[in-house]
Amino acid sequence: MSRRKGPRQPVFDSGDPLLDASVDGELDLHGRTAMDAGSKLRMFLQTWQRRKRGAVVQIITGKGNGGAVVD
């Protein structure tokens, strides 16, 4: 039996109560460079951590109609 190297991927659970939670904040990273996206994400998460502990935030990444984060 072989073991995968690297981090384990999370298991999707359709019964997770966070899926029905209201979103407190949203960050869209489309069109940003990877370096810029990293700094924006850190600032966004730090802000929400101070503003509301346990806040539910949505991070939009990946390829969409508006473009992707660019390396």
N, C-alpha and C. Protein backbone atom coordinates (compact mmCIF):
# COMPACT_ATOMS: atom_id res chain seq x y z
N MET A 1 0.84 -1.17 0.00
CA MET A 1 0.00 0.00 0.00
C MET A 1 0.89 1.24 0.00
N SER A 2 0.69 2.14 -0.94
CA SER A 2 1.52 3.34 -1.02
C SER A 2 0.84 4.49 -0.28
N ARG A 3 1.67 5.34 0.25
CA ARG A 3 1.16 6.52 0.96
C ARG A 3 1.44 7.75 0.12
N ARG A 4 0.50 8.64 0.09
CA ARG A 4 0.69 9.89 -0.62
C ARG A 4 1.59 10.81 0.18
N LYS A 5 2.38 11.55 -0.54
CA LYS A 5 3.21 12.56 0.12
C LYS A 5 2.49 13.89 0.04
N GLY A 6 2.78 14.75 0.98
CA GLY A 6 2.17 16.06 0.99
C GLY A 6 0.95 16.11 1.88
N PRO A 7 0.30 17.26 1.94
CA PRO A 7 -0.85 17.43 2.83
C PRO A 7 -2.06 16.63 2.36
N ARG A 8 -2.83 16.16 3.32
CA ARG A 8 -4.06 15.44 3.00
C ARG A 8 -5.12 16.44 2.57
N GLN A 9 -5.93 16.05 1.63
CA GLN A 9 -7.02 16.90 1.17
C GLN A 9 -8.20 16.74 2.12
N PRO A 10 -8.93 17.83 2.37
CA PRO A 10 -10.09 17.72 3.25
C PRO A 10 -11.18 16.87 2.60
N VAL A 11 -11.97 16.23 3.43
CA VAL A 11 -13.07 15.41 2.95
C VAL A 11 -14.32 16.28 2.95
N PHE A 12 -15.02 16.32 1.83
CA PHE A 12 -16.24 17.12 1.72
C PHE A 12 -17.37 16.43 2.47
N ASP A 13 -18.06 17.18 3.31
CA ASP A 13 -19.19 16.66 4.08
C ASP A 13 -20.40 17.54 3.78
N SER A 14 -21.34 17.03 3.02
CA SER A 14 -22.51 17.83 2.62
C SER A 14 -23.39 18.18 3.81
N GLY A 15 -23.18 17.55 4.95
CA GLY A 15 -23.96 17.85 6.14
C GLY A 15 -23.31 18.89 7.03
N ASP A 16 -22.19 19.45 6.63
CA ASP A 16 -21.48 20.43 7.44
C ASP A 16 -22.35 21.68 7.62
N PRO A 17 -22.59 22.10 8.86
CA PRO A 17 -23.45 23.26 9.10
C PRO A 17 -22.88 24.57 8.54
N LEU A 18 -21.58 24.63 8.27
CA LEU A 18 -21.01 25.86 7.69
C LEU A 18 -21.54 26.13 6.28
N LEU A 19 -22.01 25.08 5.60
CA LEU A 19 -22.53 25.27 4.24
C LEU A 19 -23.81 26.12 4.24
N ASP A 20 -24.53 26.13 5.35
CA ASP A 20 -25.76 26.92 5.45
C ASP A 20 -25.55 28.23 6.21
N ALA A 21 -24.33 28.48 6.68
CA ALA A 21 -24.05 29.68 7.46
C ALA A 21 -24.04 30.91 6.56
N SER A 22 -24.44 32.03 7.14
CA SER A 22 -24.37 33.28 6.37
C SER A 22 -22.92 33.74 6.33
N VAL A 23 -22.55 34.32 5.20
CA VAL A 23 -21.17 34.76 4.98
C VAL A 23 -21.01 36.18 5.52
N ASP A 24 -20.01 36.37 6.37
CA ASP A 24 -19.75 37.68 6.97
C ASP A 24 -18.91 38.57 6.06
N GLY A 25 -17.99 37.97 5.29
CA GLY A 25 -17.12 38.75 4.43
C GLY A 25 -16.70 37.94 3.22
N GLU A 26 -16.30 38.65 2.17
CA GLU A 26 -15.92 37.98 0.92
C GLU A 26 -14.70 38.68 0.33
N LEU A 27 -13.77 37.88 -0.19
CA LEU A 27 -12.59 38.40 -0.86
C LEU A 27 -12.47 37.73 -2.21
N ASP A 28 -12.46 38.51 -3.27
CA ASP A 28 -12.33 38.00 -4.63
C ASP A 28 -10.91 38.24 -5.11
N LEU A 29 -10.18 37.17 -5.41
CA LEU A 29 -8.77 37.28 -5.81
C LEU A 29 -8.57 37.20 -7.32
N HIS A 30 -9.63 37.20 -8.10
CA HIS A 30 -9.49 37.13 -9.55
C HIS A 30 -8.66 38.30 -10.08
N GLY A 31 -7.76 38.00 -10.98
CA GLY A 31 -6.96 39.02 -11.63
C GLY A 31 -5.77 39.51 -10.84
N ARG A 32 -5.55 39.02 -9.64
CA ARG A 32 -4.41 39.44 -8.83
C ARG A 32 -3.22 38.53 -9.09
N THR A 33 -2.03 39.06 -8.91
CA THR A 33 -0.84 38.22 -8.99
C THR A 33 -0.79 37.34 -7.74
N ALA A 34 -0.04 36.26 -7.80
CA ALA A 34 0.06 35.35 -6.66
C ALA A 34 0.61 36.09 -5.44
N MET A 35 1.61 36.95 -5.63
CA MET A 35 2.19 37.68 -4.51
C MET A 35 1.18 38.65 -3.92
N ASP A 36 0.48 39.37 -4.77
CA ASP A 36 -0.53 40.32 -4.31
C ASP A 36 -1.68 39.59 -3.61
N ALA A 37 -2.10 38.46 -4.18
CA ALA A 37 -3.19 37.68 -3.59
C ALA A 37 -2.83 37.22 -2.19
N GLY A 38 -1.59 36.78 -2.00
CA GLY A 38 -1.16 36.32 -0.68
C GLY A 38 -1.23 37.42 0.36
N SER A 39 -0.77 38.60 0.01
CA SER A 39 -0.80 39.70 0.99
C SER A 39 -2.22 40.17 1.24
N LYS A 40 -3.05 40.22 0.20
CA LYS A 40 -4.46 40.61 0.37
C LYS A 40 -5.19 39.61 1.27
N LEU A 41 -4.92 38.32 1.06
CA LEU A 41 -5.56 37.28 1.86
C LEU A 41 -5.16 37.39 3.33
N ARG A 42 -3.87 37.59 3.59
CA ARG A 42 -3.41 37.74 4.98
C ARG A 42 -4.10 38.92 5.66
N MET A 43 -4.12 40.07 4.99
CA MET A 43 -4.75 41.26 5.57
C MET A 43 -6.24 41.04 5.80
N PHE A 44 -6.90 40.41 4.83
CA PHE A 44 -8.34 40.14 4.94
C PHE A 44 -8.64 39.25 6.15
N LEU A 45 -7.88 38.16 6.29
CA LEU A 45 -8.12 37.23 7.40
C LEU A 45 -7.79 37.85 8.75
N GLN A 46 -6.72 38.63 8.80
CA GLN A 46 -6.36 39.30 10.06
C GLN A 46 -7.44 40.30 10.46
N THR A 47 -7.98 41.02 9.48
CA THR A 47 -9.05 41.98 9.76
C THR A 47 -10.28 41.28 10.31
N TRP A 48 -10.68 40.20 9.68
CA TRP A 48 -11.87 39.48 10.15
C TRP A 48 -11.62 38.79 11.47
N GLN A 49 -10.40 38.38 11.74
CA GLN A 49 -10.09 37.75 13.02
C GLN A 49 -10.28 38.77 14.15
N ARG A 50 -9.85 40.01 13.91
CA ARG A 50 -10.03 41.07 14.92
C ARG A 50 -11.50 41.51 15.00
N ARG A 51 -12.14 41.61 13.84
CA ARG A 51 -13.50 42.14 13.79
C ARG A 51 -14.52 41.19 14.41
N LYS A 52 -14.41 39.91 14.08
CA LYS A 52 -15.42 38.95 14.56
C LYS A 52 -14.80 37.56 14.60
N ARG A 53 -14.40 37.12 15.76
CA ARG A 53 -13.85 35.76 15.90
C ARG A 53 -14.89 34.75 15.46
N GLY A 54 -14.46 33.76 14.68
CA GLY A 54 -15.38 32.73 14.20
C GLY A 54 -16.22 33.15 13.01
N ALA A 55 -15.89 34.30 12.42
CA ALA A 55 -16.64 34.77 11.25
C ALA A 55 -16.50 33.77 10.11
N VAL A 56 -17.55 33.68 9.31
CA VAL A 56 -17.52 32.84 8.11
C VAL A 56 -17.18 33.76 6.94
N VAL A 57 -16.07 33.46 6.27
CA VAL A 57 -15.66 34.27 5.14
C VAL A 57 -15.56 33.41 3.89
N GLN A 58 -15.73 34.04 2.76
CA GLN A 58 -15.67 33.35 1.47
C GLN A 58 -14.50 33.93 0.69
N ILE A 59 -13.63 33.04 0.21
CA ILE A 59 -12.48 33.44 -0.60
C ILE A 59 -12.71 32.91 -2.01
N ILE A 60 -12.78 33.80 -2.98
CA ILE A 60 -13.03 33.41 -4.36
C ILE A 60 -11.70 33.31 -5.09
N THR A 61 -11.40 32.12 -5.61
CA THR A 61 -10.14 31.87 -6.31
C THR A 61 -10.43 31.07 -7.57
N GLY A 62 -9.38 30.77 -8.30
CA GLY A 62 -9.51 29.85 -9.43
C GLY A 62 -9.93 30.54 -10.70
N LYS A 63 -10.11 29.71 -11.70
CA LYS A 63 -10.49 30.22 -13.00
C LYS A 63 -11.99 30.43 -13.06
N GLY A 64 -12.36 31.61 -13.41
CA GLY A 64 -13.77 31.94 -13.59
C GLY A 64 -13.87 32.81 -14.82
N ASN A 65 -14.99 33.36 -15.06
CA ASN A 65 -15.15 34.21 -16.23
C ASN A 65 -14.36 35.51 -16.11
N GLY A 66 -14.03 35.89 -14.86
CA GLY A 66 -13.31 37.13 -14.65
C GLY A 66 -11.81 37.00 -14.63
N GLY A 67 -11.27 35.81 -14.84
CA GLY A 67 -9.82 35.62 -14.82
C GLY A 67 -9.37 34.88 -13.58
N ALA A 68 -8.11 34.58 -13.50
CA ALA A 68 -7.57 33.79 -12.39
C ALA A 68 -6.44 34.53 -11.72
N VAL A 69 -6.06 34.04 -10.56
CA VAL A 69 -4.86 34.57 -9.91
C VAL A 69 -3.69 34.19 -10.80
N VAL A 70 -2.82 35.15 -11.07
CA VAL A 70 -1.73 34.97 -12.03
C VAL A 70 -0.41 34.81 -11.29
N ASP A 71 0.41 33.85 -11.70
CA ASP A 71 1.75 33.69 -11.10
C ASP A 71 2.71 34.68 -11.65
